[in-house]
Amino acid sequence: MIKQYQQQDVDIQSETLEADGFFKLKKICLRHHLFDGGWSAVFEREMCVRGDAVGVLLYDPQLQKFALVEQLRIGVLRRQQSPWLLEIVAGMLDKPDEDCQSVAIREAEEEANLSVQALEPISRYFCSPGGSTEFFTLFCGRVDLSQAKEGVFGLDEEHEDIRLHILPVDHVLDLLHQGTINNAMSIIALQWFQLHRARLDALWHD
């Protein structure tokens, strides 16, 4: 049987805070058990310390439309494409009294001015475990888009300038297949939707 290593198979020698701004950056000095036995040499890694995040794909099953948001993403600067990305609604789990469902509901209100009527879990995953602690929980959220209007939302104190788009499902899926939507959480959510669309429509049928 292959041994499954656990947290105790990592020996952290030291941990220092290198930067403490919008992100925290830590330098970790560590060693770990090797698959062939014994311990690795001691080595250093930088780790971006991020809190857990929540994303929600906002879907109106009656109209067969999504509500997606567009905003500037600093990590896309100096790429060939525009740094304004089309995404699902998302936010940080940064209040001690909130759970993931509450964050999904709150972010839908803040970023899209929409009320979530029901939530269906999609996935939980590490965003970039080679260098970041960030962990995502994704939902699909039922919304009523019959009276919704596209506009600009977000919190000024968080420097958010978020544009809401209300788009037909099939058009969004075309954008996914073309590679226009190319951020991980939106790809995961939309591919999940393709697999579960019929079940979801039956579940949320009025």
C-alpha atoms as a PDB file:
ATOM      1  CA  MET A   1       0.000   0.000   0.000  1.00  0.00           C
ATOM      2  CA  ILE A   2       1.270   3.473  -0.861  1.00  0.00           C
ATOM      3  CA  LYS A   3       1.749   5.573   2.263  1.00  0.00           C
ATOM      4  CA  GLN A   4      -0.444   8.659   2.364  1.00  0.00           C
ATOM      5  CA  TYR A   5       1.547  11.449   3.941  1.00  0.00           C
ATOM      6  CA  GLN A   6      -0.159  13.925   6.291  1.00  0.00           C
ATOM      7  CA  GLN A   7       0.561  17.277   7.928  1.00  0.00           C
ATOM      8  CA  GLN A   8       2.922  15.656  10.464  1.00  0.00           C
ATOM      9  CA  ASP A   9       5.189  14.569   7.608  1.00  0.00           C
ATOM     10  CA  VAL A  10       6.240  18.192   7.077  1.00  0.00           C
ATOM     11  CA  ASP A  11       8.780  19.755   9.440  1.00  0.00           C
ATOM     12  CA  ILE A  12       8.599  23.571   9.395  1.00  0.00           C
ATOM     13  CA  GLN A  13      11.926  24.967  10.553  1.00  0.00           C
ATOM     14  CA  SER A  14      10.998  28.654  10.430  1.00  0.00           C
ATOM     15  CA  GLU A  15       8.277  30.987   9.162  1.00  0.00           C
ATOM     16  CA  THR A  16       8.754  34.721   8.560  1.00  0.00           C
ATOM     17  CA  LEU A  17       6.379  37.427   7.320  1.00  0.00           C
ATOM     18  CA  GLU A  18       7.986  39.106   4.293  1.00  0.00           C
ATOM     19  CA  ALA A  19       5.126  41.414   3.262  1.00  0.00           C
ATOM     20  CA  ASP A  20       1.893  42.489   4.932  1.00  0.00           C
ATOM     21  CA  GLY A  21      -0.194  44.474   2.451  1.00  0.00           C
ATOM     22  CA  PHE A  22      -3.223  43.592   0.329  1.00  0.00           C
ATOM     23  CA  PHE A  23      -1.675  40.121   0.370  1.00  0.00           C
ATOM     24  CA  LYS A  24       0.504  38.599   3.048  1.00  0.00           C
ATOM     25  CA  LEU A  25       3.685  36.889   1.890  1.00  0.00           C
ATOM     26  CA  LYS A  26       5.474  34.418   4.135  1.00  0.00           C
ATOM     27  CA  LYS A  27       8.810  32.685   3.692  1.00  0.00           C
ATOM     28  CA  ILE A  28       8.712  29.095   4.927  1.00  0.00           C
ATOM     29  CA  CYS A  29      11.834  27.078   5.670  1.00  0.00           C
ATOM     30  CA  LEU A  30      10.914  23.363   5.715  1.00  0.00           C
ATOM     31  CA  ARG A  31      11.720  19.750   5.006  1.00  0.00           C
ATOM     32  CA  HIS A  32       9.414  16.794   4.380  1.00  0.00           C
ATOM     33  CA  HIS A  33       9.350  13.033   4.238  1.00  0.00           C
ATOM     34  CA  LEU A  34      10.357  11.579   0.855  1.00  0.00           C
ATOM     35  CA  PHE A  35       8.423   8.894  -1.020  1.00  0.00           C
ATOM     36  CA  ASP A  36      11.541   6.720  -1.070  1.00  0.00           C
ATOM     37  CA  GLY A  37      12.113   7.171   2.679  1.00  0.00           C
ATOM     38  CA  GLY A  38      14.020   9.599   4.870  1.00  0.00           C
ATOM     39  CA  TRP A  39      13.785  13.384   4.814  1.00  0.00           C
ATOM     40  CA  SER A  40      14.353  15.981   2.120  1.00  0.00           C
ATOM     41  CA  ALA A  41      17.002  18.630   2.494  1.00  0.00           C
ATOM     42  CA  VAL A  42      15.812  21.847   4.134  1.00  0.00           C
ATOM     43  CA  PHE A  43      14.579  24.351   1.528  1.00  0.00           C
ATOM     44  CA  GLU A  44      12.683  27.657   1.290  1.00  0.00           C
ATOM     45  CA  ARG A  45       9.381  28.553  -0.347  1.00  0.00           C
ATOM     46  CA  GLU A  46       7.371  31.780  -0.498  1.00  0.00           C
ATOM     47  CA  MET A  47       3.679  31.440   0.311  1.00  0.00           C
ATOM     48  CA  CYS A  48       0.941  33.951  -0.473  1.00  0.00           C
ATOM     49  CA  VAL A  49      -1.420  33.912   2.502  1.00  0.00           C
ATOM     50  CA  ARG A  50      -5.006  34.384   1.348  1.00  0.00           C
ATOM     51  CA  GLY A  51      -8.264  33.775   3.146  1.00  0.00           C
ATOM     52  CA  ASP A  52     -10.909  31.399   1.850  1.00  0.00           C
ATOM     53  CA  ALA A  53     -13.123  32.656  -0.971  1.00  0.00           C
ATOM     54  CA  VAL A  54     -16.648  31.959  -2.220  1.00  0.00           C
ATOM     55  CA  GLY A  55     -17.999  32.147  -5.768  1.00  0.00           C
ATOM     56  CA  VAL A  56     -21.575  31.888  -7.010  1.00  0.00           C
ATOM     57  CA  LEU A  57     -22.867  31.352 -10.552  1.00  0.00           C
ATOM     58  CA  LEU A  58     -26.118  33.333 -10.690  1.00  0.00           C
ATOM     59  CA  TYR A  59     -28.709  31.577 -12.835  1.00  0.00           C
ATOM     60  CA  ASP A  60     -32.340  32.236 -13.734  1.00  0.00           C
ATOM     61  CA  PRO A  61     -33.830  28.877 -14.834  1.00  0.00           C
ATOM     62  CA  GLN A  62     -37.013  30.482 -16.136  1.00  0.00           C
ATOM     63  CA  LEU A  63     -35.262  32.912 -18.466  1.00  0.00           C
ATOM     64  CA  GLN A  64     -32.279  30.627 -19.105  1.00  0.00           C
ATOM     65  CA  LYS A  65     -29.899  33.492 -18.367  1.00  0.00           C
ATOM     66  CA  PHE A  66     -26.815  34.090 -16.231  1.00  0.00           C
ATOM     67  CA  ALA A  67     -25.792  37.193 -14.318  1.00  0.00           C
ATOM     68  CA  LEU A  68     -22.028  37.626 -14.691  1.00  0.00           C
ATOM     69  CA  VAL A  69     -19.769  40.461 -13.582  1.00  0.00           C
ATOM     70  CA  GLU A  70     -16.893  42.270 -15.249  1.00  0.00           C
ATOM     71  CA  GLN A  71     -14.056  43.937 -13.360  1.00  0.00           C
ATOM     72  CA  LEU A  72     -10.357  44.795 -13.538  1.00  0.00           C
ATOM     73  CA  ARG A  73      -8.042  41.963 -12.441  1.00  0.00           C
ATOM     74  CA  ILE A  74      -4.508  43.074 -11.567  1.00  0.00           C
ATOM     75  CA  GLY A  75      -3.022  39.643 -12.293  1.00  0.00           C
ATOM     76  CA  VAL A  76      -3.844  40.004 -15.989  1.00  0.00           C
ATOM     77  CA  LEU A  77      -1.864  43.229 -16.486  1.00  0.00           C
ATOM     78  CA  ARG A  78       0.848  42.975 -19.143  1.00  0.00           C
ATOM     79  CA  ARG A  79      -0.902  40.067 -20.849  1.00  0.00           C
ATOM     80  CA  GLN A  80      -2.092  40.324 -24.437  1.00  0.00           C
ATOM     81  CA  GLN A  81      -5.764  40.290 -23.435  1.00  0.00           C
ATOM     82  CA  SER A  82      -7.828  42.894 -21.611  1.00  0.00           C
ATOM     83  CA  PRO A  83      -7.416  42.819 -17.806  1.00  0.00           C
ATOM     84  CA  TRP A  84     -11.178  43.287 -17.409  1.00  0.00           C
ATOM     85  CA  LEU A  85     -12.514  39.754 -16.972  1.00  0.00           C
ATOM     86  CA  LEU A  86     -16.014  38.302 -17.241  1.00  0.00           C
ATOM     87  CA  GLU A  87     -16.551  36.228 -14.091  1.00  0.00           C
ATOM     88  CA  ILE A  88     -19.010  34.773 -11.658  1.00  0.00           C
ATOM     89  CA  VAL A  89     -19.697  36.762  -8.490  1.00  0.00           C
ATOM     90  CA  ALA A  90     -17.127  36.084  -5.758  1.00  0.00           C
ATOM     91  CA  GLY A  91     -15.826  37.392  -2.446  1.00  0.00           C
ATOM     92  CA  MET A  92     -13.745  36.609   0.597  1.00  0.00           C
ATOM     93  CA  LEU A  93     -14.860  34.716   3.684  1.00  0.00           C
ATOM     94  CA  ASP A  94     -13.458  37.410   5.973  1.00  0.00           C
ATOM     95  CA  LYS A  95     -15.964  37.789   8.808  1.00  0.00           C
ATOM     96  CA  PRO A  96     -15.835  35.341  11.751  1.00  0.00           C
ATOM     97  CA  ASP A  97     -19.633  34.993  11.984  1.00  0.00           C
ATOM     98  CA  GLU A  98     -20.189  34.209   8.280  1.00  0.00           C
ATOM     99  CA  ASP A  99     -20.409  30.854   6.533  1.00  0.00           C
ATOM    100  CA  CYS A 100     -19.894  30.201   2.823  1.00  0.00           C
ATOM    101  CA  GLN A 101     -23.608  30.382   2.003  1.00  0.00           C
ATOM    102  CA  SER A 102     -23.890  33.779   3.701  1.00  0.00           C
ATOM    103  CA  VAL A 103     -20.937  35.119   1.718  1.00  0.00           C
ATOM    104  CA  ALA A 104     -22.490  33.924  -1.552  1.00  0.00           C
ATOM    105  CA  ILE A 105     -25.729  35.734  -0.712  1.00  0.00           C
ATOM    106  CA  ARG A 106     -23.913  38.894   0.443  1.00  0.00           C
ATOM    107  CA  GLU A 107     -21.676  39.088  -2.612  1.00  0.00           C
ATOM    108  CA  ALA A 108     -24.618  38.641  -4.993  1.00  0.00           C
ATOM    109  CA  GLU A 109     -26.244  41.667  -3.373  1.00  0.00           C
ATOM    110  CA  GLU A 110     -23.064  43.789  -3.342  1.00  0.00           C
ATOM    111  CA  GLU A 111     -21.721  42.943  -6.803  1.00  0.00           C
ATOM    112  CA  ALA A 112     -24.916  42.350  -8.787  1.00  0.00           C
ATOM    113  CA  ASN A 113     -27.779  43.866  -6.744  1.00  0.00           C
ATOM    114  CA  LEU A 114     -29.506  40.465  -6.809  1.00  0.00           C
ATOM    115  CA  SER A 115     -31.189  38.324  -4.157  1.00  0.00           C
ATOM    116  CA  VAL A 116     -30.305  34.631  -4.120  1.00  0.00           C
ATOM    117  CA  GLN A 117     -33.368  32.394  -3.771  1.00  0.00           C
ATOM    118  CA  ALA A 118     -31.595  29.027  -3.490  1.00  0.00           C
ATOM    119  CA  LEU A 119     -28.054  27.651  -3.509  1.00  0.00           C
ATOM    120  CA  GLU A 120     -26.706  24.439  -4.972  1.00  0.00           C
ATOM    121  CA  PRO A 121     -23.121  23.392  -4.098  1.00  0.00           C
ATOM    122  CA  ILE A 122     -20.685  23.025  -7.005  1.00  0.00           C
ATOM    123  CA  SER A 123     -17.166  22.366  -5.769  1.00  0.00           C
ATOM    124  CA  ARG A 124     -14.501  23.117  -3.145  1.00  0.00           C
ATOM    125  CA  TYR A 125     -10.885  23.376  -4.283  1.00  0.00           C
ATOM    126  CA  PHE A 126      -7.452  24.923  -3.776  1.00  0.00           C
ATOM    127  CA  CYS A 127      -6.903  27.781  -6.217  1.00  0.00           C
ATOM    128  CA  SER A 128      -3.110  27.595  -6.639  1.00  0.00           C
ATOM    129  CA  PRO A 129      -1.639  25.304  -3.943  1.00  0.00           C
ATOM    130  CA  GLY A 130       1.918  25.600  -5.257  1.00  0.00           C
ATOM    131  CA  GLY A 131       2.198  29.040  -3.697  1.00  0.00           C
ATOM    132  CA  SER A 132      -1.108  30.234  -2.216  1.00  0.00           C
ATOM    133  CA  THR A 133      -3.303  29.206   0.708  1.00  0.00           C
ATOM    134  CA  GLU A 134      -6.510  30.391  -1.019  1.00  0.00           C
ATOM    135  CA  PHE A 135      -9.370  27.867  -0.984  1.00  0.00           C
ATOM    136  CA  PHE A 136     -12.582  28.288  -2.997  1.00  0.00           C
ATOM    137  CA  THR A 137     -16.137  27.151  -2.354  1.00  0.00           C
ATOM    138  CA  LEU A 138     -18.434  27.449  -5.374  1.00  0.00           C
ATOM    139  CA  PHE A 139     -22.224  27.509  -5.618  1.00  0.00           C
ATOM    140  CA  CYS A 140     -24.872  27.917  -8.260  1.00  0.00           C
ATOM    141  CA  GLY A 141     -27.444  30.437  -7.062  1.00  0.00           C
ATOM    142  CA  ARG A 142     -30.980  30.761  -8.303  1.00  0.00           C
ATOM    143  CA  VAL A 143     -32.011  34.357  -9.035  1.00  0.00           C
ATOM    144  CA  ASP A 144     -34.927  36.128 -10.695  1.00  0.00           C
ATOM    145  CA  LEU A 145     -33.608  38.249 -13.558  1.00  0.00           C
ATOM    146  CA  SER A 146     -36.995  39.298 -14.915  1.00  0.00           C
ATOM    147  CA  GLN A 147     -36.720  42.761 -13.332  1.00  0.00           C
ATOM    148  CA  ALA A 148     -32.936  42.959 -13.072  1.00  0.00           C
ATOM    149  CA  LYS A 149     -31.050  45.716 -14.849  1.00  0.00           C
ATOM    150  CA  GLU A 150     -27.465  45.786 -15.970  1.00  0.00           C
ATOM    151  CA  GLY A 151     -25.414  48.429 -14.221  1.00  0.00           C
ATOM    152  CA  VAL A 152     -22.324  49.165 -12.145  1.00  0.00           C
ATOM    153  CA  PHE A 153     -22.147  47.912  -8.576  1.00  0.00           C
ATOM    154  CA  GLY A 154     -19.634  47.137  -5.808  1.00  0.00           C
ATOM    155  CA  LEU A 155     -18.393  48.846  -2.656  1.00  0.00           C
ATOM    156  CA  ASP A 156     -16.514  52.139  -2.959  1.00  0.00           C
ATOM    157  CA  GLU A 157     -14.525  51.427   0.210  1.00  0.00           C
ATOM    158  CA  GLU A 158     -13.192  48.252  -1.417  1.00  0.00           C
ATOM    159  CA  HIS A 159     -12.377  50.109  -4.675  1.00  0.00           C
ATOM    160  CA  GLU A 160     -14.850  47.935  -6.569  1.00  0.00           C
ATOM    161  CA  ASP A 161     -16.087  49.012  -9.985  1.00  0.00           C
ATOM    162  CA  ILE A 162     -18.126  46.022 -11.132  1.00  0.00           C
ATOM    163  CA  ARG A 163     -20.330  45.910 -14.212  1.00  0.00           C
ATOM    164  CA  LEU A 164     -23.241  43.469 -14.285  1.00  0.00           C
ATOM    165  CA  HIS A 165     -24.023  41.565 -17.492  1.00  0.00           C
ATOM    166  CA  ILE A 166     -27.224  39.569 -18.009  1.00  0.00           C
ATOM    167  CA  LEU A 167     -26.581  37.070 -20.781  1.00  0.00           C
ATOM    168  CA  PRO A 168     -28.319  34.041 -22.324  1.00  0.00           C
ATOM    169  CA  VAL A 169     -26.937  30.725 -21.097  1.00  0.00           C
ATOM    170  CA  ASP A 170     -26.005  29.474 -24.561  1.00  0.00           C
ATOM    171  CA  HIS A 171     -24.090  32.682 -25.357  1.00  0.00           C
ATOM    172  CA  VAL A 172     -22.067  32.374 -22.143  1.00  0.00           C
ATOM    173  CA  LEU A 173     -21.291  28.727 -22.901  1.00  0.00           C
ATOM    174  CA  ASP A 174     -20.099  29.792 -26.354  1.00  0.00           C
ATOM    175  CA  LEU A 175     -17.758  32.311 -24.688  1.00  0.00           C
ATOM    176  CA  LEU A 176     -16.477  29.492 -22.471  1.00  0.00           C
ATOM    177  CA  HIS A 177     -15.812  27.211 -25.437  1.00  0.00           C
ATOM    178  CA  GLN A 178     -14.084  30.042 -27.344  1.00  0.00           C
ATOM    179  CA  GLY A 179     -11.737  30.672 -24.407  1.00  0.00           C
ATOM    180  CA  THR A 180     -13.051  34.197 -23.822  1.00  0.00           C
ATOM    181  CA  ILE A 181     -13.974  33.208 -20.264  1.00  0.00           C
ATOM    182  CA  ASN A 182     -10.614  32.007 -18.996  1.00  0.00           C
ATOM    183  CA  ASN A 183     -10.533  32.345 -15.215  1.00  0.00           C
ATOM    184  CA  ALA A 184     -10.553  29.147 -13.175  1.00  0.00           C
ATOM    185  CA  MET A 185     -13.575  29.633 -10.916  1.00  0.00           C
ATOM    186  CA  SER A 186     -15.836  30.625 -13.820  1.00  0.00           C
ATOM    187  CA  ILE A 187     -14.630  27.713 -15.967  1.00  0.00           C
ATOM    188  CA  ILE A 188     -15.233  25.230 -13.142  1.00  0.00           C
ATOM    189  CA  ALA A 189     -18.695  26.646 -12.405  1.00  0.00           C
ATOM    190  CA  LEU A 190     -19.794  26.705 -16.050  1.00  0.00           C
ATOM    191  CA  GLN A 191     -18.488  23.228 -16.823  1.00  0.00           C
ATOM    192  CA  TRP A 192     -20.345  21.963 -13.745  1.00  0.00           C
ATOM    193  CA  PHE A 193     -23.459  23.711 -15.032  1.00  0.00           C
ATOM    194  CA  GLN A 194     -23.187  21.928 -18.372  1.00  0.00           C
ATOM    195  CA  LEU A 195     -23.108  18.577 -16.572  1.00  0.00           C
ATOM    196  CA  HIS A 196     -25.988  19.409 -14.221  1.00  0.00           C
ATOM    197  CA  ARG A 197     -28.183  21.709 -16.307  1.00  0.00           C
ATOM    198  CA  ALA A 198     -31.088  19.288 -16.763  1.00  0.00           C
ATOM    199  CA  ARG A 199     -31.095  18.282 -13.079  1.00  0.00           C
ATOM    200  CA  LEU A 200     -30.905  21.914 -11.990  1.00  0.00           C
ATOM    201  CA  ASP A 201     -33.779  22.976 -14.239  1.00  0.00           C
ATOM    202  CA  ALA A 202     -35.904  20.125 -12.856  1.00  0.00           C
ATOM    203  CA  LEU A 203     -34.961  21.037  -9.279  1.00  0.00           C
ATOM    204  CA  TRP A 204     -35.803  24.713  -9.712  1.00  0.00           C
ATOM    205  CA  HIS A 205     -38.840  24.260 -11.953  1.00  0.00           C
ATOM    206  CA  ASP A 206     -41.823  26.287 -10.700  1.00  0.00           C
END
